[in-house]
């Protein structure tokens, strides 16, 4: 099943709908610097966010790349933050699921202020 799902990890609609079905919340919001992508549990005890700079949003040929970046980031964070979730259970085992590019500007935390 992981092989079949792997191609969807860059599809923002697919990732967000499957996270929601699994009880994991996610979203996108705009701000002066670009778009912030966030993920959290129902009680905001575990969370992370990631910013995509404005400069990358003004070029129509980059729209697919920033949405794919957001989707893949959400997928990776879901596996990292919520390994016991239905989402993680159905989507682990992908050869790309936990790889990072070394340039992860993620802000993550818990209500207690600890990084997760």
Foldseek 3Di string as FASTA:
>chain_A
DQVVCVVCLLPLVVQQVLCVVQQKHWDWDADPFAIKIKIAHPVQFKMKIAGDGPVQVPDPVSPSVVSSVSSLVSQLVCCVGPVPIPSNVVHPPDPCRNDDPPPGPMDIHGPVRDGD
